[in-house]
Amino acid sequence: TADLIKADEQLSVELWDSDRASADDVVGKVELSIQKLIQHPGKMFPQVSKLRGVKAESEMPGELVWEVGYFGKTQFRKALRTDGRDVNLPKELKDKKELQDDKGAIDTAEEDSVVHTPPDPLWPSGILSIVVHQIVGLELANITGSQGNRKGREFEPARPEAGEVKEESGKKLPSSYCTILINDELAYKTRTKVVSSHPIFNAGTERFVRDWKSCIVTVAVRDSRNRQHDPIIGVVPLKVSDILQTGSEATRCTPHMISASVTALSRVLYEFRPLLNQQTLADLVATMDLFLT
């Protein structure tokens, strides 16, 4: 941001010593001015930096060999601009305002371009932002079914928990938290909201993705329990290309399938910002053949 640049913030890289028996220790760190970094955009620069200590002007033995570069955000192409309407709705319903995504207050031309222009396929790499706002109607599925003697209770519901969840807190409700996985890699875990059917998280993360066109985001809701594995309550996997069809920012209310008769709605914000860098499209996983002689 502009405030970080004007304050001359430093990009800090720390080297840590991992220890099983005690706390991890800082071996050293290197710092680089963000003001100097952004003066030469679009290129990686090899660095050989001498390690420094945590205290000012202190030195540590060793050097760090690394590369660093600054890549700015791309400009929105006018040819990709859309009307912002949901393409998945039938033609008869596309004009209804109540069925459109809430884009909030739009104050600048850049904000208007964000909500009406999808990511540019020519620049697939960038920063993906995901924010989990809240979940509505969260509960645990009844796995025991209806039991007991029904004599004299013929007109009572066999599944009294069916239908809308009326209580917001209680011992029978889950203590939920969310995990965000990007391409099956854990990216973020929210705090636990204790015994609530309407947990509010308002938490998220930003991650660099190599190709938004093939990126899959999975939001899983788990029940935090003591002395046992946290069971999964519901999972929502979504492709970024399916979410950002009409804009680079979208908020989705998606159902989590808990059981055949129980669902909960989660509200998640997705945003993608392309970067001017096409040299990061290599795969994270590779196969290597070794020949021993």
Protein backbone atom coordinates (compact mmCIF):
# COMPACT_ATOMS: atom_id res chain seq x y z
CA THR A 1 0.00 0.00 0.00
CA ALA A 2 0.98 3.65 -0.30
CA ASP A 3 1.33 3.97 3.49
CA LEU A 4 3.92 1.18 3.62
CA ILE A 5 5.92 2.76 0.81
CA LYS A 6 5.90 6.24 2.38
CA ALA A 7 6.93 4.78 5.74
CA ASP A 8 9.87 2.99 4.03
CA GLU A 9 8.90 -0.42 5.40
CA GLN A 10 11.48 -3.19 5.07
CA LEU A 11 10.97 -6.60 3.50
CA SER A 12 12.34 -8.97 6.16
CA VAL A 13 13.46 -12.57 5.61
CA GLU A 14 14.29 -14.54 8.77
CA LEU A 15 16.26 -17.77 9.12
CA TRP A 16 15.15 -20.00 12.01
CA ASP A 17 16.68 -23.02 13.75
CA SER A 18 14.03 -25.69 14.38
CA ASP A 19 14.39 -27.52 17.71
CA ARG A 20 12.23 -30.34 19.05
CA ALA A 21 13.13 -29.94 22.73
CA SER A 22 12.96 -26.15 23.05
CA ALA A 23 11.66 -23.07 21.30
CA ASP A 24 12.92 -22.29 17.80
CA ASP A 25 15.72 -19.72 17.63
CA VAL A 26 16.38 -16.96 15.09
CA VAL A 27 19.69 -17.64 13.33
CA GLY A 28 19.63 -14.32 11.48
CA LYS A 29 17.67 -12.10 9.16
CA VAL A 30 18.08 -9.85 6.12
CA GLU A 31 16.11 -6.74 5.23
CA LEU A 32 15.47 -4.91 1.96
CA SER A 33 13.77 -1.55 1.48
CA ILE A 34 10.43 -1.76 -0.33
CA GLN A 35 11.10 1.67 -1.85
CA LYS A 36 14.22 0.33 -3.57
CA LEU A 37 12.46 -2.87 -4.61
CA ILE A 38 9.59 -1.21 -6.50
CA GLN A 39 11.94 1.04 -8.48
CA HIS A 40 12.85 -1.92 -10.72
CA PRO A 41 9.59 -3.81 -11.41
CA GLY A 42 9.12 -6.93 -13.53
CA LYS A 43 12.46 -8.60 -12.91
CA MET A 44 14.04 -10.99 -10.40
CA PHE A 45 17.32 -9.93 -8.79
CA PRO A 46 19.77 -12.45 -7.23
CA GLN A 47 20.91 -11.40 -3.76
CA VAL A 48 23.76 -12.46 -1.47
CA SER A 49 22.97 -10.86 1.90
CA LYS A 50 24.95 -11.11 5.11
CA LEU A 51 22.85 -12.28 8.04
CA ARG A 52 22.09 -9.75 10.75
CA GLY A 53 20.87 -10.21 14.29
CA VAL A 54 17.52 -9.28 15.77
CA LYS A 55 18.97 -6.24 17.51
CA ALA A 56 19.87 -3.18 15.44
CA GLU A 57 23.34 -3.14 13.84
CA SER A 58 24.16 -6.62 15.14
CA GLU A 59 25.69 -9.23 12.83
CA MET A 60 25.40 -13.02 12.61
CA PRO A 61 27.69 -15.49 10.84
CA GLY A 62 26.62 -16.71 7.40
CA GLU A 63 25.08 -15.39 4.19
CA LEU A 64 21.67 -15.87 2.56
CA VAL A 65 21.57 -16.49 -1.19
CA TRP A 66 18.12 -15.60 -2.52
CA GLU A 67 16.16 -13.91 -5.29
CA VAL A 68 13.60 -11.14 -4.99
CA GLY A 69 11.48 -9.15 -7.42
CA TYR A 70 8.51 -6.79 -7.57
CA PHE A 71 5.67 -7.39 -10.01
CA GLY A 72 2.86 -4.84 -10.18
CA LYS A 73 -0.83 -5.48 -10.74
CA THR A 74 -2.20 -5.57 -14.27
CA GLN A 75 -4.68 -3.07 -15.70
CA PHE A 76 -8.25 -4.16 -16.41
CA ARG A 77 -8.99 -4.74 -20.09
CA LYS A 78 -12.14 -2.96 -21.26
CA ALA A 79 -12.80 -5.77 -23.75
CA LEU A 80 -13.44 -8.16 -20.83
CA ARG A 81 -15.95 -5.91 -19.07
CA THR A 82 -19.36 -7.46 -18.32
CA ASP A 83 -22.68 -6.18 -17.00
CA GLY A 84 -22.01 -7.96 -13.69
CA ARG A 85 -25.11 -10.17 -13.87
CA ASP A 86 -24.99 -13.79 -12.79
CA VAL A 87 -24.47 -15.89 -15.93
CA ASN A 88 -25.88 -18.99 -14.22
CA LEU A 89 -29.36 -17.50 -13.89
CA PRO A 90 -32.01 -18.09 -16.57
CA LYS A 91 -32.75 -15.20 -18.93
CA GLU A 92 -36.09 -14.60 -17.25
CA LEU A 93 -34.39 -13.98 -13.86
CA LYS A 94 -31.23 -12.09 -14.84
CA ASP A 95 -32.93 -8.69 -14.60
CA LYS A 96 -34.18 -9.18 -11.02
CA LYS A 97 -32.09 -7.04 -8.66
CA GLU A 98 -32.78 -9.21 -5.63
CA LEU A 99 -31.06 -12.16 -7.34
CA GLN A 100 -27.86 -10.26 -8.18
CA ASP A 101 -24.71 -10.25 -6.06
CA ASP A 102 -24.44 -7.42 -3.55
CA LYS A 103 -21.51 -5.36 -4.83
CA GLY A 104 -21.62 -2.89 -1.96
CA ALA A 105 -20.72 0.77 -2.29
CA ILE A 106 -18.68 1.59 -5.41
CA ASP A 107 -16.82 4.88 -4.92
CA THR A 108 -14.05 4.83 -7.54
CA ALA A 109 -13.61 3.77 -11.15
CA GLU A 110 -11.16 1.07 -10.06
CA GLU A 111 -13.72 -0.48 -7.71
CA ASP A 112 -16.25 -0.45 -10.54
CA SER A 113 -13.77 -2.28 -12.80
CA VAL A 114 -13.09 -4.88 -10.10
CA VAL A 115 -16.74 -5.94 -9.79
CA HIS A 116 -17.46 -5.84 -13.55
CA THR A 117 -14.24 -7.21 -15.11
CA PRO A 118 -13.16 -10.86 -14.67
CA PRO A 119 -9.47 -11.81 -14.39
CA ASP A 120 -7.46 -11.60 -17.60
CA PRO A 121 -6.63 -15.09 -18.98
CA LEU A 122 -3.40 -13.65 -20.43
CA TRP A 123 -2.13 -13.08 -16.88
CA PRO A 124 -3.00 -16.25 -14.94
CA SER A 125 -0.72 -15.69 -11.92
CA GLY A 126 -1.69 -13.42 -9.06
CA ILE A 127 -2.88 -12.96 -5.48
CA LEU A 128 -6.07 -14.77 -4.42
CA SER A 129 -7.91 -13.37 -1.40
CA ILE A 130 -10.48 -15.50 0.46
CA VAL A 131 -12.54 -14.28 3.43
CA VAL A 132 -15.01 -16.52 5.32
CA HIS A 133 -17.69 -14.23 6.76
CA GLN A 134 -20.23 -16.47 8.50
CA ILE A 135 -22.26 -19.67 8.46
CA VAL A 136 -26.03 -19.78 8.94
CA GLY A 137 -28.02 -22.76 10.19
CA LEU A 138 -25.09 -24.93 11.27
CA GLU A 139 -25.90 -28.12 13.19
CA LEU A 140 -24.82 -31.71 13.60
CA ALA A 141 -26.63 -34.41 11.66
CA ASN A 142 -28.65 -36.97 13.62
CA ILE A 143 -26.95 -40.28 12.83
CA THR A 144 -29.04 -42.38 15.24
CA GLY A 145 -32.40 -41.91 13.52
CA SER A 146 -35.81 -42.13 15.20
CA GLN A 147 -35.95 -44.67 18.01
CA GLY A 148 -38.16 -45.66 20.91
CA ASN A 149 -41.76 -46.65 21.38
CA ARG A 150 -44.09 -44.61 19.16
CA LYS A 151 -47.28 -45.67 21.00
CA GLY A 152 -49.16 -42.56 22.09
CA ARG A 153 -46.77 -40.35 20.09
CA GLU A 154 -48.05 -41.13 16.61
CA PHE A 155 -48.60 -37.45 15.76
CA GLU A 156 -45.20 -36.24 17.02
CA PRO A 157 -42.43 -35.75 14.45
CA ALA A 158 -39.99 -38.63 14.22
CA ARG A 159 -37.16 -36.16 13.58
CA PRO A 160 -37.82 -33.15 15.86
CA GLU A 161 -34.50 -31.59 14.84
CA ALA A 162 -35.57 -31.34 11.19
CA GLY A 163 -36.28 -27.93 9.76
CA GLU A 164 -34.76 -24.55 10.49
CA VAL A 165 -32.38 -24.26 13.45
CA LYS A 166 -34.09 -21.99 15.98
CA GLU A 167 -31.48 -21.75 18.75
CA GLU A 168 -28.16 -19.96 18.14
CA SER A 169 -26.27 -21.59 21.02
CA GLY A 170 -26.55 -24.80 22.99
CA LYS A 171 -24.68 -27.91 24.09
CA LYS A 172 -25.91 -29.94 21.12
CA LEU A 173 -24.49 -27.49 18.58
CA PRO A 174 -20.97 -27.85 17.15
CA SER A 175 -17.90 -25.79 18.04
CA SER A 176 -16.96 -25.06 14.47
CA TYR A 177 -13.94 -23.71 12.63
CA CYS A 178 -13.13 -23.45 8.93
CA THR A 179 -10.10 -24.54 6.95
CA ILE A 180 -9.27 -23.05 3.54
CA LEU A 181 -7.45 -25.29 1.10
CA ILE A 182 -6.04 -24.00 -2.20
CA ASN A 183 -5.34 -26.80 -4.66
CA ASP A 184 -5.54 -29.31 -1.77
CA GLU A 185 -2.92 -27.45 0.29
CA LEU A 186 -3.91 -26.01 3.67
CA ALA A 187 -3.75 -22.21 3.43
CA TYR A 188 -5.65 -20.98 6.49
CA LYS A 189 -7.52 -22.07 9.61
CA THR A 190 -9.98 -19.83 11.43
CA ARG A 191 -10.55 -19.58 15.16
CA THR A 192 -13.08 -21.89 16.80
CA LYS A 193 -16.58 -20.54 17.50
CA VAL A 194 -17.94 -22.45 20.50
CA VAL A 195 -21.42 -24.08 20.33
CA SER A 196 -23.06 -21.79 17.80
CA SER A 197 -25.42 -22.39 14.89
CA HIS A 198 -24.61 -18.98 13.36
CA PRO A 199 -20.83 -18.62 13.76
CA ILE A 200 -19.30 -15.35 12.51
CA PHE A 201 -15.64 -15.61 11.46
CA ASN A 202 -14.80 -12.61 9.23
CA ALA A 203 -11.34 -14.08 8.72
CA GLY A 204 -9.34 -15.05 5.67
CA THR A 205 -6.02 -15.13 3.90
CA GLU A 206 -4.19 -14.07 0.74
CA ARG A 207 -2.11 -16.52 -1.26
CA PHE A 208 -0.15 -16.43 -4.49
CA VAL A 209 -1.60 -18.81 -7.10
CA ARG A 210 0.15 -19.80 -10.30
CA ASP A 211 -2.93 -20.16 -12.51
CA TRP A 212 -6.37 -18.95 -11.48
CA LYS A 213 -8.00 -20.83 -14.38
CA SER A 214 -7.18 -24.22 -12.80
CA CYS A 215 -7.25 -23.20 -9.13
CA ILE A 216 -9.70 -24.97 -6.80
CA VAL A 217 -10.62 -23.56 -3.38
CA THR A 218 -12.07 -25.88 -0.74
CA VAL A 219 -13.71 -24.50 2.41
CA ALA A 220 -14.21 -27.25 5.01
CA VAL A 221 -16.12 -26.84 8.28
CA ARG A 222 -14.98 -29.00 11.20
CA ASP A 223 -16.25 -29.61 14.73
CA SER A 224 -13.55 -29.03 17.36
CA ARG A 225 -13.50 -31.87 19.90
CA ASN A 226 -11.23 -32.85 22.78
CA ARG A 227 -9.20 -36.09 22.66
CA GLN A 228 -10.46 -37.12 19.23
CA HIS A 229 -10.16 -36.16 15.59
CA ASP A 230 -12.21 -33.15 14.52
CA PRO A 231 -14.94 -34.50 12.20
CA ILE A 232 -15.87 -32.69 9.00
CA ILE A 233 -19.34 -31.12 9.14
CA GLY A 234 -19.46 -29.91 5.54
CA VAL A 235 -17.25 -29.18 2.53
CA VAL A 236 -17.62 -26.77 -0.40
CA PRO A 237 -15.13 -27.13 -3.29
CA LEU A 238 -15.29 -24.37 -5.92
CA LYS A 239 -13.26 -23.50 -9.01
CA VAL A 240 -12.06 -19.91 -9.08
CA SER A 241 -12.88 -19.70 -12.80
CA ASP A 242 -16.52 -20.57 -12.03
CA ILE A 243 -16.79 -17.95 -9.28
CA LEU A 244 -15.13 -15.03 -11.07
CA GLN A 245 -17.03 -15.16 -14.37
CA THR A 246 -18.32 -11.57 -14.36
CA GLY A 247 -15.85 -9.81 -12.05
CA SER A 248 -12.58 -10.11 -10.14
CA GLU A 249 -14.46 -10.06 -6.83
CA ALA A 250 -17.49 -12.08 -5.76
CA THR A 251 -19.33 -13.06 -2.59
CA ARG A 252 -20.99 -16.47 -2.56
CA CYS A 253 -23.53 -18.02 -0.19
CA THR A 254 -22.95 -21.72 -0.71
CA PRO A 255 -24.71 -24.67 0.98
CA HIS A 256 -22.64 -27.15 3.01
CA MET A 257 -24.24 -30.59 2.70
CA ILE A 258 -24.25 -31.99 6.25
CA SER A 259 -26.63 -34.88 5.62
CA ALA A 260 -29.45 -35.79 3.26
CA SER A 261 -31.82 -33.47 5.13
CA VAL A 262 -29.51 -30.92 6.77
CA THR A 263 -27.64 -28.08 5.03
CA ALA A 264 -25.97 -24.86 6.18
CA LEU A 265 -25.15 -21.72 4.20
CA SER A 266 -21.66 -20.21 4.26
CA ARG A 267 -20.85 -16.68 3.03
CA VAL A 268 -17.38 -16.39 1.48
CA LEU A 269 -15.69 -13.51 -0.37
CA TYR A 270 -13.32 -14.30 -3.27
CA GLU A 271 -11.02 -11.76 -4.95
CA PHE A 272 -8.20 -12.16 -7.47
CA ARG A 273 -5.54 -9.63 -8.50
CA PRO A 274 -3.37 -10.61 -11.51
CA LEU A 275 0.35 -9.87 -11.48
CA LEU A 276 2.66 -8.97 -14.36
CA ASN A 277 4.61 -12.21 -14.22
CA GLN A 278 4.31 -15.24 -16.52
CA GLN A 279 7.39 -17.12 -15.32
CA THR A 280 5.65 -18.93 -12.46
CA LEU A 281 3.44 -21.38 -14.34
CA ALA A 282 5.63 -24.40 -13.57
CA ASP A 283 4.13 -27.30 -11.63
CA LEU A 284 4.74 -27.69 -7.91
CA VAL A 285 5.07 -31.47 -8.24
CA ALA A 286 7.48 -33.17 -10.62
CA THR A 287 8.67 -36.70 -11.41
CA MET A 288 12.39 -37.46 -11.48
CA ASP A 289 14.11 -40.63 -12.70
CA LEU A 290 17.37 -41.61 -10.97
CA PHE A 291 19.88 -43.90 -12.63
CA LEU A 292 22.56 -45.41 -10.39
CA THR A 293 25.84 -46.54 -11.94
